[in-house]
Amino acid sequence: MRRHVRGPSVDSSQFAVPDDDESLDGGESVSSYAGSGESVTNETFNPVDFLSDAFSSAFDPSKLDRAVANQAQTSGLINSKAHEVETLRAESAARLAEIRTIFNQGIKDVKRVQKDLEYIHRMTKHLQQVAKKRYPVEFQQAIDKHREQK
């Protein structure tokens, strides 16, 4: 079975610059492009070298290096700050849980103290009534004495 082999679509010999002796007038040939007054030399045109040179002159790797370094530095700073924020968030969440526990315990303590105060107030009122019934004269003297001290 015969295979069809395709050759390169562009042959570098098509870009070959003619030698001086191949030139029609025997001297230097002039480019046919308008505004181009360059003389043609004996060198063969190499499109890879041409494009490589054009790219090298148009592309400044130091700018890319600075941009990559700046991006890496910024990325590192962002990662550092993100880690710091996450650490602070975790610390805040732990502190909030601790404060909630303390607050809830405080609420329980307040309710307990309030119940104790209500009980003491009821007991005091009850004892005053008992003392007033059992010892009415002494109770009145104690009230008068207390009013004089004020």
N, C-alpha and C. Protein backbone atom coordinates (compact mmCIF):
# COMPACT_ATOMS: atom_id res chain seq x y z
N MET A 1 0.84 -1.17 0.00
CA MET A 1 0.00 0.00 0.00
C MET A 1 0.89 1.24 0.00
N ARG A 2 0.60 2.16 -0.83
CA ARG A 2 1.41 3.35 -0.98
C ARG A 2 0.85 4.46 -0.10
N ARG A 3 1.75 5.11 0.64
CA ARG A 3 1.33 6.21 1.52
C ARG A 3 1.64 7.53 0.85
N HIS A 4 0.75 8.43 1.08
CA HIS A 4 0.98 9.78 0.57
C HIS A 4 1.74 10.56 1.63
N VAL A 5 2.89 11.07 1.26
CA VAL A 5 3.70 11.85 2.19
C VAL A 5 3.66 13.29 1.74
N ARG A 6 3.31 14.13 2.66
CA ARG A 6 3.21 15.55 2.33
C ARG A 6 4.47 16.25 2.80
N GLY A 7 5.02 17.06 2.00
CA GLY A 7 6.21 17.82 2.36
C GLY A 7 5.84 19.07 3.14
N PRO A 8 6.82 19.80 3.61
CA PRO A 8 6.52 21.02 4.36
C PRO A 8 5.80 22.04 3.47
N SER A 9 4.91 22.79 4.08
CA SER A 9 4.12 23.75 3.31
C SER A 9 4.96 24.96 2.91
N VAL A 10 6.00 25.26 3.66
CA VAL A 10 6.86 26.39 3.32
C VAL A 10 8.29 25.86 3.27
N ASP A 11 8.94 26.08 2.18
CA ASP A 11 10.32 25.64 2.04
C ASP A 11 11.22 26.85 2.22
N SER A 12 12.23 26.72 3.08
CA SER A 12 13.10 27.87 3.35
C SER A 12 13.89 28.28 2.11
N SER A 13 14.00 27.41 1.12
CA SER A 13 14.70 27.80 -0.10
C SER A 13 13.89 28.81 -0.90
N GLN A 14 12.59 28.89 -0.63
CA GLN A 14 11.78 29.90 -1.30
C GLN A 14 12.14 31.29 -0.81
N PHE A 15 12.72 31.35 0.38
CA PHE A 15 13.08 32.64 0.95
C PHE A 15 14.55 32.98 0.71
N ALA A 16 15.22 32.17 -0.09
CA ALA A 16 16.64 32.40 -0.33
C ALA A 16 16.84 33.69 -1.10
N VAL A 17 17.81 34.44 -0.67
CA VAL A 17 18.15 35.69 -1.34
C VAL A 17 19.13 35.35 -2.46
N PRO A 18 18.91 35.85 -3.65
CA PRO A 18 19.79 35.50 -4.77
C PRO A 18 21.21 36.04 -4.55
N ASP A 19 22.18 35.29 -5.04
CA ASP A 19 23.57 35.72 -4.96
C ASP A 19 23.77 36.93 -5.86
N ASP A 20 24.89 37.61 -5.67
CA ASP A 20 25.18 38.79 -6.48
C ASP A 20 25.27 38.43 -7.96
N ASP A 21 25.84 37.26 -8.24
CA ASP A 21 26.00 36.90 -9.64
C ASP A 21 24.67 36.44 -10.25
N GLU A 22 23.67 36.11 -9.39
CA GLU A 22 22.36 35.74 -9.91
C GLU A 22 21.52 36.98 -10.18
N SER A 23 21.97 38.09 -9.69
CA SER A 23 21.24 39.33 -9.85
C SER A 23 21.21 39.73 -11.31
N LEU A 24 20.15 40.35 -11.75
CA LEU A 24 19.99 40.70 -13.15
C LEU A 24 20.99 41.74 -13.61
N ASP A 25 21.25 42.73 -12.75
CA ASP A 25 22.12 43.81 -13.21
C ASP A 25 23.56 43.59 -12.77
N GLY A 26 23.84 42.52 -12.07
CA GLY A 26 25.20 42.23 -11.68
C GLY A 26 25.62 42.97 -10.43
N GLY A 27 24.88 43.94 -9.96
CA GLY A 27 25.22 44.68 -8.74
C GLY A 27 24.29 44.26 -7.62
N GLU A 28 24.18 45.16 -6.68
CA GLU A 28 23.28 44.87 -5.57
C GLU A 28 21.84 45.03 -6.04
N SER A 29 21.00 44.16 -5.59
CA SER A 29 19.59 44.29 -5.96
C SER A 29 18.88 45.06 -4.86
N VAL A 30 17.80 45.65 -5.22
CA VAL A 30 17.05 46.46 -4.28
C VAL A 30 15.71 45.78 -4.05
N SER A 31 15.25 45.82 -2.84
CA SER A 31 13.99 45.18 -2.50
C SER A 31 12.86 45.82 -3.29
N SER A 32 11.91 45.02 -3.67
CA SER A 32 10.80 45.53 -4.47
C SER A 32 9.72 46.16 -3.60
N TYR A 33 9.85 46.06 -2.28
CA TYR A 33 8.85 46.66 -1.40
C TYR A 33 9.02 48.16 -1.39
N ALA A 34 7.92 48.88 -1.37
CA ALA A 34 7.95 50.34 -1.38
C ALA A 34 8.57 50.84 -0.10
N GLY A 35 9.46 51.76 -0.20
CA GLY A 35 10.10 52.35 0.96
C GLY A 35 11.25 51.53 1.49
N SER A 36 11.51 50.40 0.94
CA SER A 36 12.60 49.58 1.42
C SER A 36 13.79 49.80 0.52
N GLY A 37 14.82 50.40 1.06
CA GLY A 37 16.00 50.66 0.25
C GLY A 37 17.17 49.81 0.69
N GLU A 38 16.88 48.68 1.32
CA GLU A 38 17.96 47.83 1.81
C GLU A 38 18.52 47.01 0.66
N SER A 39 19.79 46.77 0.73
CA SER A 39 20.40 45.93 -0.29
C SER A 39 20.33 44.48 0.15
N VAL A 40 20.29 43.60 -0.78
CA VAL A 40 20.17 42.18 -0.51
C VAL A 40 21.57 41.60 -0.42
N THR A 41 21.77 40.73 0.55
CA THR A 41 23.09 40.12 0.73
C THR A 41 23.02 38.66 0.33
N ASN A 42 24.10 37.95 0.53
CA ASN A 42 24.20 36.56 0.12
C ASN A 42 23.56 35.59 1.12
N GLU A 43 23.04 36.08 2.23
CA GLU A 43 22.52 35.19 3.27
C GLU A 43 21.17 34.63 2.87
N THR A 44 20.89 33.43 3.34
CA THR A 44 19.59 32.80 3.14
C THR A 44 18.67 33.24 4.27
N PHE A 45 17.47 33.59 3.92
CA PHE A 45 16.51 34.04 4.93
C PHE A 45 16.02 32.83 5.72
N ASN A 46 16.15 32.92 7.04
CA ASN A 46 15.69 31.85 7.91
C ASN A 46 14.51 32.40 8.71
N PRO A 47 13.30 31.95 8.42
CA PRO A 47 12.13 32.52 9.10
C PRO A 47 12.14 32.27 10.61
N VAL A 48 12.70 31.15 11.04
CA VAL A 48 12.74 30.86 12.48
C VAL A 48 13.63 31.87 13.18
N ASP A 49 14.81 32.13 12.60
CA ASP A 49 15.70 33.13 13.20
C ASP A 49 15.07 34.51 13.16
N PHE A 50 14.42 34.82 12.04
CA PHE A 50 13.78 36.13 11.91
C PHE A 50 12.71 36.33 12.99
N LEU A 51 11.83 35.34 13.13
CA LEU A 51 10.76 35.44 14.12
C LEU A 51 11.32 35.43 15.54
N SER A 52 12.34 34.64 15.76
CA SER A 52 12.97 34.59 17.08
C SER A 52 13.58 35.94 17.43
N ASP A 53 14.29 36.54 16.47
CA ASP A 53 14.89 37.86 16.71
C ASP A 53 13.81 38.92 16.92
N ALA A 54 12.76 38.85 16.11
CA ALA A 54 11.68 39.82 16.25
C ALA A 54 10.99 39.68 17.60
N PHE A 55 10.78 38.45 18.02
CA PHE A 55 10.15 38.22 19.32
C PHE A 55 11.06 38.67 20.45
N SER A 56 12.34 38.37 20.33
CA SER A 56 13.29 38.77 21.37
C SER A 56 13.37 40.28 21.51
N SER A 57 13.33 40.99 20.39
CA SER A 57 13.41 42.44 20.47
C SER A 57 12.10 43.05 20.95
N ALA A 58 10.98 42.39 20.69
CA ALA A 58 9.69 42.93 21.10
C ALA A 58 9.34 42.52 22.53
N PHE A 59 9.88 41.43 22.99
CA PHE A 59 9.53 40.88 24.30
C PHE A 59 10.67 41.14 25.27
N ASP A 60 10.34 41.79 26.39
CA ASP A 60 11.33 42.07 27.42
C ASP A 60 11.10 41.12 28.58
N PRO A 61 11.95 40.10 28.73
CA PRO A 61 11.72 39.11 29.80
C PRO A 61 11.88 39.70 31.19
N SER A 62 12.61 40.80 31.32
CA SER A 62 12.77 41.38 32.66
C SER A 62 11.44 41.92 33.18
N LYS A 63 10.60 42.44 32.27
CA LYS A 63 9.27 42.91 32.70
C LYS A 63 8.42 41.73 33.16
N LEU A 64 8.51 40.62 32.41
CA LEU A 64 7.77 39.43 32.81
C LEU A 64 8.28 38.91 34.14
N ASP A 65 9.61 38.90 34.31
CA ASP A 65 10.18 38.45 35.57
C ASP A 65 9.70 39.31 36.73
N ARG A 66 9.69 40.62 36.52
CA ARG A 66 9.21 41.52 37.58
C ARG A 66 7.73 41.28 37.85
N ALA A 67 6.96 41.08 36.79
CA ALA A 67 5.52 40.84 36.97
C ALA A 67 5.27 39.52 37.71
N VAL A 68 6.02 38.49 37.34
CA VAL A 68 5.87 37.19 38.01
C VAL A 68 6.31 37.30 39.47
N ALA A 69 7.41 38.01 39.72
CA ALA A 69 7.87 38.20 41.10
C ALA A 69 6.85 38.99 41.90
N ASN A 70 6.31 40.03 41.30
CA ASN A 70 5.29 40.84 41.97
C ASN A 70 4.04 40.01 42.25
N GLN A 71 3.64 39.20 41.27
CA GLN A 71 2.47 38.34 41.45
C GLN A 71 2.72 37.32 42.56
N ALA A 72 3.91 36.73 42.59
CA ALA A 72 4.23 35.75 43.63
C ALA A 72 4.25 36.41 45.00
N GLN A 73 4.81 37.60 45.07
CA GLN A 73 4.85 38.33 46.34
C GLN A 73 3.43 38.67 46.80
N THR A 74 2.61 39.15 45.88
CA THR A 74 1.22 39.49 46.21
C THR A 74 0.44 38.25 46.62
N SER A 75 0.65 37.16 45.90
CA SER A 75 -0.02 35.91 46.23
C SER A 75 0.39 35.43 47.62
N GLY A 76 1.68 35.52 47.92
CA GLY A 76 2.16 35.15 49.25
C GLY A 76 1.55 36.01 50.34
N LEU A 77 1.46 37.31 50.07
CA LEU A 77 0.86 38.23 51.04
C LEU A 77 -0.62 37.90 51.25
N ILE A 78 -1.32 37.63 50.16
CA ILE A 78 -2.74 37.29 50.26
C ILE A 78 -2.92 35.98 51.04
N ASN A 79 -2.08 34.99 50.74
CA ASN A 79 -2.17 33.72 51.47
C ASN A 79 -1.88 33.92 52.95
N SER A 80 -0.89 34.75 53.25
CA SER A 80 -0.55 35.04 54.64
C SER A 80 -1.71 35.71 55.35
N LYS A 81 -2.29 36.71 54.71
CA LYS A 81 -3.42 37.42 55.31
C LYS A 81 -4.63 36.50 55.44
N ALA A 82 -4.86 35.65 54.46
CA ALA A 82 -5.99 34.71 54.53
C ALA A 82 -5.79 33.75 55.71
N HIS A 83 -4.55 33.28 55.90
CA HIS A 83 -4.25 32.41 57.03
C HIS A 83 -4.45 33.16 58.34
N GLU A 84 -4.01 34.41 58.39
CA GLU A 84 -4.17 35.23 59.58
C GLU A 84 -5.65 35.46 59.89
N VAL A 85 -6.43 35.75 58.86
CA VAL A 85 -7.87 35.97 59.05
C VAL A 85 -8.53 34.68 59.55
N GLU A 86 -8.15 33.55 58.98
CA GLU A 86 -8.72 32.27 59.42
C GLU A 86 -8.35 31.98 60.87
N THR A 87 -7.12 32.27 61.25
CA THR A 87 -6.69 32.08 62.64
C THR A 87 -7.49 32.98 63.57
N LEU A 88 -7.63 34.24 63.19
CA LEU A 88 -8.40 35.18 64.02
C LEU A 88 -9.87 34.77 64.10
N ARG A 89 -10.42 34.26 63.00
CA ARG A 89 -11.81 33.81 63.00
C ARG A 89 -11.99 32.63 63.96
N ALA A 90 -11.04 31.69 63.92
CA ALA A 90 -11.12 30.53 64.81
C ALA A 90 -10.99 30.96 66.27
N GLU A 91 -10.05 31.89 66.54
CA GLU A 91 -9.89 32.39 67.91
C GLU A 91 -11.15 33.12 68.36
N SER A 92 -11.74 33.91 67.47
CA SER A 92 -12.97 34.64 67.81
C SER A 92 -14.12 33.67 68.09
N ALA A 93 -14.22 32.63 67.28
CA ALA A 93 -15.29 31.64 67.49
C ALA A 93 -15.11 30.94 68.84
N ALA A 94 -13.87 30.60 69.18
CA ALA A 94 -13.61 29.96 70.47
C ALA A 94 -13.92 30.91 71.62
N ARG A 95 -13.52 32.16 71.47
CA ARG A 95 -13.78 33.16 72.52
C ARG A 95 -15.28 33.41 72.65
N LEU A 96 -15.99 33.45 71.53
CA LEU A 96 -17.44 33.64 71.56
C LEU A 96 -18.12 32.48 72.29
N ALA A 97 -17.69 31.27 72.03
CA ALA A 97 -18.27 30.11 72.72
C ALA A 97 -18.00 30.20 74.22
N GLU A 98 -16.80 30.63 74.58
CA GLU A 98 -16.45 30.79 76.00
C GLU A 98 -17.31 31.87 76.65
N ILE A 99 -17.49 32.98 75.95
CA ILE A 99 -18.30 34.09 76.48
C ILE A 99 -19.76 33.66 76.60
N ARG A 100 -20.27 32.90 75.65
CA ARG A 100 -21.65 32.40 75.74
C ARG A 100 -21.83 31.53 76.98
N THR A 101 -20.85 30.66 77.21
CA THR A 101 -20.92 29.80 78.39
C THR A 101 -20.94 30.63 79.67
N ILE A 102 -20.06 31.62 79.74
CA ILE A 102 -20.01 32.51 80.91
C ILE A 102 -21.32 33.28 81.05
N PHE A 103 -21.84 33.79 79.94
CA PHE A 103 -23.09 34.55 79.96
C PHE A 103 -24.25 33.67 80.45
N ASN A 104 -24.34 32.46 79.91
CA ASN A 104 -25.42 31.55 80.32
C ASN A 104 -25.31 31.21 81.80
N GLN A 105 -24.09 31.02 82.29
CA GLN A 105 -23.89 30.77 83.72
C GLN A 105 -24.30 32.00 84.52
N GLY A 106 -23.99 33.19 84.01
CA GLY A 106 -24.40 34.43 84.68
C GLY A 106 -25.91 34.56 84.76
N ILE A 107 -26.60 34.19 83.69
CA ILE A 107 -28.07 34.23 83.68
C ILE A 107 -28.63 33.28 84.74
N LYS A 108 -28.05 32.08 84.82
CA LYS A 108 -28.49 31.12 85.84
C LYS A 108 -28.25 31.68 87.24
N ASP A 109 -27.09 32.30 87.45
CA ASP A 109 -26.76 32.88 88.76
C ASP A 109 -27.72 34.01 89.12
N VAL A 110 -28.05 34.86 88.14
CA VAL A 110 -28.99 35.97 88.39
C VAL A 110 -30.36 35.42 88.78
N LYS A 111 -30.82 34.40 88.09
CA LYS A 111 -32.13 33.81 88.41
C LYS A 111 -32.11 33.19 89.81
N ARG A 112 -31.01 32.54 90.15
CA ARG A 112 -30.89 31.93 91.47
C ARG A 112 -30.88 33.00 92.56
N VAL A 113 -30.11 34.08 92.36
CA VAL A 113 -30.05 35.17 93.34
C VAL A 113 -31.42 35.84 93.47
N GLN A 114 -32.11 36.02 92.35
CA GLN A 114 -33.44 36.63 92.38
C GLN A 114 -34.40 35.76 93.20
N LYS A 115 -34.36 34.46 93.00
CA LYS A 115 -35.21 33.56 93.79
C LYS A 115 -34.85 33.63 95.27
N ASP A 116 -33.54 33.68 95.55
CA ASP A 116 -33.10 33.78 96.95
C ASP A 116 -33.59 35.07 97.58
N LEU A 117 -33.50 36.18 96.85
CA LEU A 117 -33.96 37.47 97.38
C LEU A 117 -35.47 37.47 97.62
N GLU A 118 -36.20 36.89 96.70
CA GLU A 118 -37.65 36.79 96.87
C GLU A 118 -37.99 35.94 98.11
N TYR A 119 -37.27 34.85 98.29
CA TYR A 119 -37.49 33.99 99.46
C TYR A 119 -37.18 34.75 100.75
N ILE A 120 -36.04 35.46 100.77
CA ILE A 120 -35.65 36.22 101.96
C ILE A 120 -36.67 37.32 102.24
N HIS A 121 -37.15 37.99 101.21
CA HIS A 121 -38.15 39.04 101.39
C HIS A 121 -39.44 38.46 101.99
N ARG A 122 -39.89 37.33 101.46
CA ARG A 122 -41.09 36.67 102.00
C ARG A 122 -40.88 36.25 103.46
N MET A 123 -39.72 35.71 103.74
CA MET A 123 -39.44 35.27 105.12
C MET A 123 -39.38 36.46 106.07
N THR A 124 -38.80 37.57 105.62
CA THR A 124 -38.71 38.76 106.46
C THR A 124 -40.11 39.29 106.76
N LYS A 125 -40.94 39.38 105.76
CA LYS A 125 -42.32 39.84 105.94
C LYS A 125 -43.06 38.92 106.92
N HIS A 126 -42.89 37.63 106.76
CA HIS A 126 -43.55 36.65 107.62
C HIS A 126 -43.07 36.81 109.07
N LEU A 127 -41.75 36.97 109.25
CA LEU A 127 -41.21 37.13 110.61
C LEU A 127 -41.69 38.43 111.24
N GLN A 128 -41.81 39.50 110.44
CA GLN A 128 -42.33 40.77 110.97
C GLN A 128 -43.77 40.60 111.45
N GLN A 129 -44.57 39.91 110.67
CA GLN A 129 -45.97 39.70 111.05
C GLN A 129 -46.07 38.86 112.34
N VAL A 130 -45.23 37.82 112.42
CA VAL A 130 -45.24 36.97 113.62
C VAL A 130 -44.80 37.79 114.83
N ALA A 131 -43.73 38.59 114.68
CA ALA A 131 -43.23 39.40 115.80
C ALA A 131 -44.26 40.45 116.20
N LYS A 132 -44.95 41.03 115.25
CA LYS A 132 -45.96 42.06 115.52
C LYS A 132 -47.14 41.46 116.30
N LYS A 133 -47.51 40.21 116.00
CA LYS A 133 -48.62 39.56 116.69
C LYS A 133 -48.22 39.10 118.09
N ARG A 134 -47.04 38.52 118.22
CA ARG A 134 -46.62 37.98 119.51
C ARG A 134 -46.16 39.06 120.47
N TYR A 135 -45.44 40.03 119.93
CA TYR A 135 -44.85 41.07 120.78
C TYR A 135 -45.22 42.44 120.24
N PRO A 136 -46.49 42.87 120.36
CA PRO A 136 -46.91 44.13 119.75
C PRO A 136 -46.25 45.35 120.39
N VAL A 137 -46.07 45.38 121.68
CA VAL A 137 -45.48 46.54 122.35
C VAL A 137 -44.00 46.65 121.99
N GLU A 138 -43.27 45.57 122.12
CA GLU A 138 -41.83 45.58 121.80
C GLU A 138 -41.60 45.89 120.31
N PHE A 139 -42.49 45.38 119.49
CA PHE A 139 -42.35 45.62 118.04
C PHE A 139 -42.52 47.10 117.75
N GLN A 140 -43.51 47.76 118.38
CA GLN A 140 -43.73 49.18 118.16
C GLN A 140 -42.56 50.00 118.70
N GLN A 141 -41.99 49.60 119.84
CA GLN A 141 -40.82 50.30 120.40
C GLN A 141 -39.63 50.19 119.43
N ALA A 142 -39.44 49.03 118.83
CA ALA A 142 -38.33 48.83 117.90
C ALA A 142 -38.51 49.69 116.65
N ILE A 143 -39.75 49.82 116.21
CA ILE A 143 -40.02 50.67 115.03
C ILE A 143 -39.74 52.12 115.38
N ASP A 144 -40.20 52.59 116.56
CA ASP A 144 -39.96 53.97 116.97
C ASP A 144 -38.47 54.24 117.13
N LYS A 145 -37.75 53.31 117.72
CA LYS A 145 -36.30 53.46 117.91
C LYS A 145 -35.59 53.55 116.54
N HIS A 146 -36.04 52.76 115.65
CA HIS A 146 -35.43 52.75 114.31
C HIS A 146 -35.69 54.08 113.59
N ARG A 147 -36.89 54.64 113.76
CA ARG A 147 -37.23 55.92 113.12
C ARG A 147 -36.43 57.06 113.73
N GLU A 148 -36.14 57.00 115.04
CA GLU A 148 -35.35 58.05 115.70
C GLU A 148 -33.90 58.05 115.19
N GLN A 149 -33.39 56.90 114.85
CA GLN A 149 -32.00 56.81 114.40
C GLN A 149 -31.82 57.40 113.00
N LYS A 150 -32.85 57.47 112.28
CA LYS A 150 -32.74 58.01 110.92
C LYS A 150 -32.68 59.46 110.97
